[in-house]
C-alpha atoms as a PDB file:
ATOM      1  CA  UNK A   1       0.012   0.009  -0.014  1.00  0.00           C
ATOM      2  CA  UNK A   2       1.474   3.368  -0.956  1.00  0.00           C
ATOM      3  CA  UNK A   3       1.295   6.591   1.048  1.00  0.00           C
ATOM      4  CA  UNK A   4      -1.794   7.919  -0.688  1.00  0.00           C
ATOM      5  CA  UNK A   5      -3.655   4.596  -0.128  1.00  0.00           C
ATOM      6  CA  UNK A   6      -2.681   4.677   3.518  1.00  0.00           C
ATOM      7  CA  UNK A   7      -3.990   8.281   3.809  1.00  0.00           C
ATOM      8  CA  UNK A   8      -7.306   7.182   2.262  1.00  0.00           C
ATOM      9  CA  UNK A   9      -7.514   4.198   4.702  1.00  0.00           C
ATOM     10  CA  UNK A  10      -6.781   6.451   7.692  1.00  0.00           C
ATOM     11  CA  UNK A  11      -9.484   8.924   6.607  1.00  0.00           C
ATOM     12  CA  UNK A  12     -12.045   6.105   6.247  1.00  0.00           C
ATOM     13  CA  UNK A  13     -11.153   4.654   9.672  1.00  0.00           C
ATOM     14  CA  UNK A  14     -11.511   8.131  11.257  1.00  0.00           C
ATOM     15  CA  UNK A  15     -14.926   8.620   9.613  1.00  0.00           C
ATOM     16  CA  UNK A  16     -16.164   5.224  10.772  1.00  0.00           C
ATOM     17  CA  UNK A  17     -15.011   5.874  14.356  1.00  0.00           C
ATOM     18  CA  UNK A  18     -16.605   9.310  14.314  1.00  0.00           C
ATOM     19  CA  UNK A  19     -20.001   8.016  13.138  1.00  0.00           C
ATOM     20  CA  UNK A  20     -19.783   4.654  14.965  1.00  0.00           C
ATOM     21  CA  UNK A  21     -21.204   3.146  11.788  1.00  0.00           C
ATOM     22  CA  UNK A  22     -19.934   2.084   8.397  1.00  0.00           C
ATOM     23  CA  UNK A  23     -21.434   2.852   4.965  1.00  0.00           C
ATOM     24  CA  UNK A  24     -21.419   0.603   1.928  1.00  0.00           C
ATOM     25  CA  UNK A  25     -19.068   3.046   0.265  1.00  0.00           C
ATOM     26  CA  UNK A  26     -16.573   2.845   3.144  1.00  0.00           C
ATOM     27  CA  UNK A  27     -16.799  -0.968   3.095  1.00  0.00           C
ATOM     28  CA  UNK A  28     -16.079  -0.923  -0.636  1.00  0.00           C
ATOM     29  CA  UNK A  29     -13.065   1.361  -0.170  1.00  0.00           C
ATOM     30  CA  UNK A  30     -11.556  -0.810   2.599  1.00  0.00           C
ATOM     31  CA  UNK A  31     -12.231  -3.937   0.594  1.00  0.00           C
ATOM     32  CA  UNK A  32     -10.435  -2.405  -2.353  1.00  0.00           C
ATOM     33  CA  UNK A  33      -7.422  -1.453  -0.190  1.00  0.00           C
ATOM     34  CA  UNK A  34      -7.197  -4.626   1.852  1.00  0.00           C
ATOM     35  CA  UNK A  35      -8.851  -7.341  -0.282  1.00  0.00           C
ATOM     36  CA  UNK A  36      -9.624 -10.749   1.196  1.00  0.00           C
ATOM     37  CA  UNK A  37      -8.118  -9.814   4.547  1.00  0.00           C
ATOM     38  CA  UNK A  38     -10.829  -7.221   4.981  1.00  0.00           C
ATOM     39  CA  UNK A  39     -13.557  -9.690   4.021  1.00  0.00           C
ATOM     40  CA  UNK A  40     -12.232 -12.092   6.668  1.00  0.00           C
ATOM     41  CA  UNK A  41     -12.010  -9.296   9.186  1.00  0.00           C
ATOM     42  CA  UNK A  42     -15.646  -8.397   8.731  1.00  0.00           C
ATOM     43  CA  UNK A  43     -16.672 -11.961   9.416  1.00  0.00           C
ATOM     44  CA  UNK A  44     -14.650 -11.976  12.663  1.00  0.00           C
ATOM     45  CA  UNK A  45     -16.361  -8.733  13.740  1.00  0.00           C
ATOM     46  CA  UNK A  46     -19.799 -10.021  12.784  1.00  0.00           C
ATOM     47  CA  UNK A  47     -19.181 -13.071  14.978  1.00  0.00           C
ATOM     48  CA  UNK A  48     -18.166 -10.843  17.915  1.00  0.00           C
ATOM     49  CA  UNK A  49     -14.633 -12.256  17.787  1.00  0.00           C
ATOM     50  CA  UNK A  50     -12.822  -9.120  19.010  1.00  0.00           C
ATOM     51  CA  UNK A  51     -12.078  -8.534  22.690  1.00  0.00           C
ATOM     52  CA  UNK A  52     -10.629  -5.251  23.934  1.00  0.00           C
ATOM     53  CA  UNK A  53      -8.741  -6.007  27.091  1.00  0.00           C
ATOM     54  CA  UNK A  54      -8.319  -2.839  29.242  1.00  0.00           C
ATOM     55  CA  UNK A  55      -6.259  -2.345  32.303  1.00  0.00           C
ATOM     56  CA  UNK A  56      -7.561  -0.374  35.273  1.00  0.00           C
ATOM     57  CA  UNK A  57      -6.906   2.353  36.200  1.00  0.00           C
ATOM     58  CA  UNK A  58      -4.469   3.165  33.343  1.00  0.00           C
ATOM     59  CA  UNK A  59      -6.873   2.493  30.498  1.00  0.00           C
ATOM     60  CA  UNK A  60      -4.057   0.776  28.515  1.00  0.00           C
ATOM     61  CA  UNK A  61      -5.413  -1.884  26.174  1.00  0.00           C
ATOM     62  CA  UNK A  62      -4.650  -4.683  23.803  1.00  0.00           C
ATOM     63  CA  UNK A  63      -7.001  -6.598  21.470  1.00  0.00           C
ATOM     64  CA  UNK A  64      -7.517 -10.326  21.442  1.00  0.00           C
ATOM     65  CA  UNK A  65      -8.948 -11.546  18.122  1.00  0.00           C
ATOM     66  CA  UNK A  66     -10.322 -14.986  17.326  1.00  0.00           C
ATOM     67  CA  UNK A  67      -8.875 -16.745  14.294  1.00  0.00           C
ATOM     68  CA  UNK A  68     -10.979 -18.438  11.680  1.00  0.00           C
ATOM     69  CA  UNK A  69      -9.537 -21.949  11.918  1.00  0.00           C
ATOM     70  CA  UNK A  70     -11.393 -24.775  13.583  1.00  0.00           C
ATOM     71  CA  UNK A  71      -9.092 -24.424  16.636  1.00  0.00           C
ATOM     72  CA  UNK A  72     -10.282 -20.858  17.138  1.00  0.00           C
ATOM     73  CA  UNK A  73      -6.903 -19.561  18.246  1.00  0.00           C
ATOM     74  CA  UNK A  74      -6.894 -16.107  19.789  1.00  0.00           C
ATOM     75  CA  UNK A  75      -4.217 -13.638  18.733  1.00  0.00           C
ATOM     76  CA  UNK A  76      -3.157 -10.589  20.652  1.00  0.00           C
ATOM     77  CA  UNK A  77      -2.692  -7.512  18.513  1.00  0.00           C
ATOM     78  CA  UNK A  78      -2.308  -3.803  18.388  1.00  0.00           C
ATOM     79  CA  UNK A  79      -4.307  -2.795  15.287  1.00  0.00           C
ATOM     80  CA  UNK A  80      -1.757  -0.404  13.814  1.00  0.00           C
ATOM     81  CA  UNK A  81       1.503  -2.146  14.785  1.00  0.00           C
ATOM     82  CA  UNK A  82       1.518  -5.854  15.681  1.00  0.00           C
ATOM     83  CA  UNK A  83      -0.270  -9.178  15.670  1.00  0.00           C
ATOM     84  CA  UNK A  84       0.923 -12.428  17.113  1.00  0.00           C
ATOM     85  CA  UNK A  85      -0.378 -14.520  14.178  1.00  0.00           C
ATOM     86  CA  UNK A  86       1.785 -16.396  11.664  1.00  0.00           C
ATOM     87  CA  UNK A  87       0.508 -14.242   8.742  1.00  0.00           C
ATOM     88  CA  UNK A  88       1.751 -11.067  10.418  1.00  0.00           C
ATOM     89  CA  UNK A  89       5.291 -12.370  10.627  1.00  0.00           C
ATOM     90  CA  UNK A  90       5.297 -14.164   7.282  1.00  0.00           C
ATOM     91  CA  UNK A  91       3.330 -11.848   4.954  1.00  0.00           C
ATOM     92  CA  UNK A  92       3.863  -8.484   6.628  1.00  0.00           C
ATOM     93  CA  UNK A  93       7.214  -8.508   8.442  1.00  0.00           C
ATOM     94  CA  UNK A  94       9.081 -11.071   6.339  1.00  0.00           C
ATOM     95  CA  UNK A  95       7.734 -10.544   2.837  1.00  0.00           C
ATOM     96  CA  UNK A  96       6.273  -7.045   3.129  1.00  0.00           C
ATOM     97  CA  UNK A  97       3.317  -8.061   0.946  1.00  0.00           C
ATOM     98  CA  UNK A  98       0.602  -6.704   3.211  1.00  0.00           C
ATOM     99  CA  UNK A  99       0.199  -3.714   5.470  1.00  0.00           C
ATOM    100  CA  UNK A 100      -1.698  -5.610   8.164  1.00  0.00           C
ATOM    101  CA  UNK A 101      -3.400  -8.966   8.817  1.00  0.00           C
ATOM    102  CA  UNK A 102      -7.073  -9.807   9.159  1.00  0.00           C
ATOM    103  CA  UNK A 103      -6.852  -9.760  12.957  1.00  0.00           C
ATOM    104  CA  UNK A 104      -5.497  -6.159  12.924  1.00  0.00           C
ATOM    105  CA  UNK A 105      -8.246  -5.137  10.528  1.00  0.00           C
ATOM    106  CA  UNK A 106     -10.903  -6.869  12.664  1.00  0.00           C
ATOM    107  CA  UNK A 107      -9.608  -5.102  15.801  1.00  0.00           C
ATOM    108  CA  UNK A 108      -9.541  -1.755  14.027  1.00  0.00           C
ATOM    109  CA  UNK A 109     -13.063  -2.187  12.595  1.00  0.00           C
ATOM    110  CA  UNK A 110     -14.552  -3.425  15.886  1.00  0.00           C
ATOM    111  CA  UNK A 111     -12.925  -0.564  17.785  1.00  0.00           C
ATOM    112  CA  UNK A 112     -14.159   2.003  15.270  1.00  0.00           C
ATOM    113  CA  UNK A 113     -17.725   0.627  15.452  1.00  0.00           C
ATOM    114  CA  UNK A 114     -17.712   0.100  19.221  1.00  0.00           C
ATOM    115  CA  UNK A 115     -18.272  -3.581  18.555  1.00  0.00           C
ATOM    116  CA  UNK A 116     -15.657  -5.096  20.846  1.00  0.00           C
ATOM    117  CA  UNK A 117     -16.330  -7.371  23.754  1.00  0.00           C
ATOM    118  CA  UNK A 118     -14.830  -5.311  26.610  1.00  0.00           C
ATOM    119  CA  UNK A 119     -12.806  -7.143  29.228  1.00  0.00           C
ATOM    120  CA  UNK A 120     -11.538  -5.217  32.260  1.00  0.00           C
ATOM    121  CA  UNK A 121      -8.676  -6.268  34.455  1.00  0.00           C
ATOM    122  CA  UNK A 122      -6.188  -4.653  36.777  1.00  0.00           C
ATOM    123  CA  UNK A 123      -3.078  -3.075  35.319  1.00  0.00           C
ATOM    124  CA  UNK A 124      -1.094  -5.805  37.121  1.00  0.00           C
ATOM    125  CA  UNK A 125      -3.094  -8.560  35.410  1.00  0.00           C
ATOM    126  CA  UNK A 126      -2.633  -6.830  32.071  1.00  0.00           C
ATOM    127  CA  UNK A 127       1.146  -6.559  32.611  1.00  0.00           C
ATOM    128  CA  UNK A 128       1.305 -10.292  33.477  1.00  0.00           C
ATOM    129  CA  UNK A 129      -0.655 -11.105  30.319  1.00  0.00           C
ATOM    130  CA  UNK A 130       1.651  -8.952  28.144  1.00  0.00           C
ATOM    131  CA  UNK A 131       4.727 -10.431  29.744  1.00  0.00           C
ATOM    132  CA  UNK A 132       3.741 -13.840  28.386  1.00  0.00           C
ATOM    133  CA  UNK A 133       3.640 -12.644  24.779  1.00  0.00           C
END
């Protein structure tokens, strides 16, 4: 994805978050930019497969996103920077073929729409969780 495509995507994400809803046109733009990964991400969001884990009192958070395989693995991710899935390391970090994986897209879409399953825990519990990654 080039710089202008990234700017378009960021504008669409901001608009979705502002309205807390998504239009067909926005879905079409995101599908054009991200392809099959976006289709898969929408299925994950539709199935309520995105948890936003927040620490209290800091408000720091990480997302936990369900995979689509039969095993239903859950991957921790930061939507704009990191995912613990194989595709992130292989397709994004190693090959540079994609900007983000379906789990990152699902987390971003769910957060923008307010469609996450919220999980609250203490900052200490969140730190312990993150230390195991």
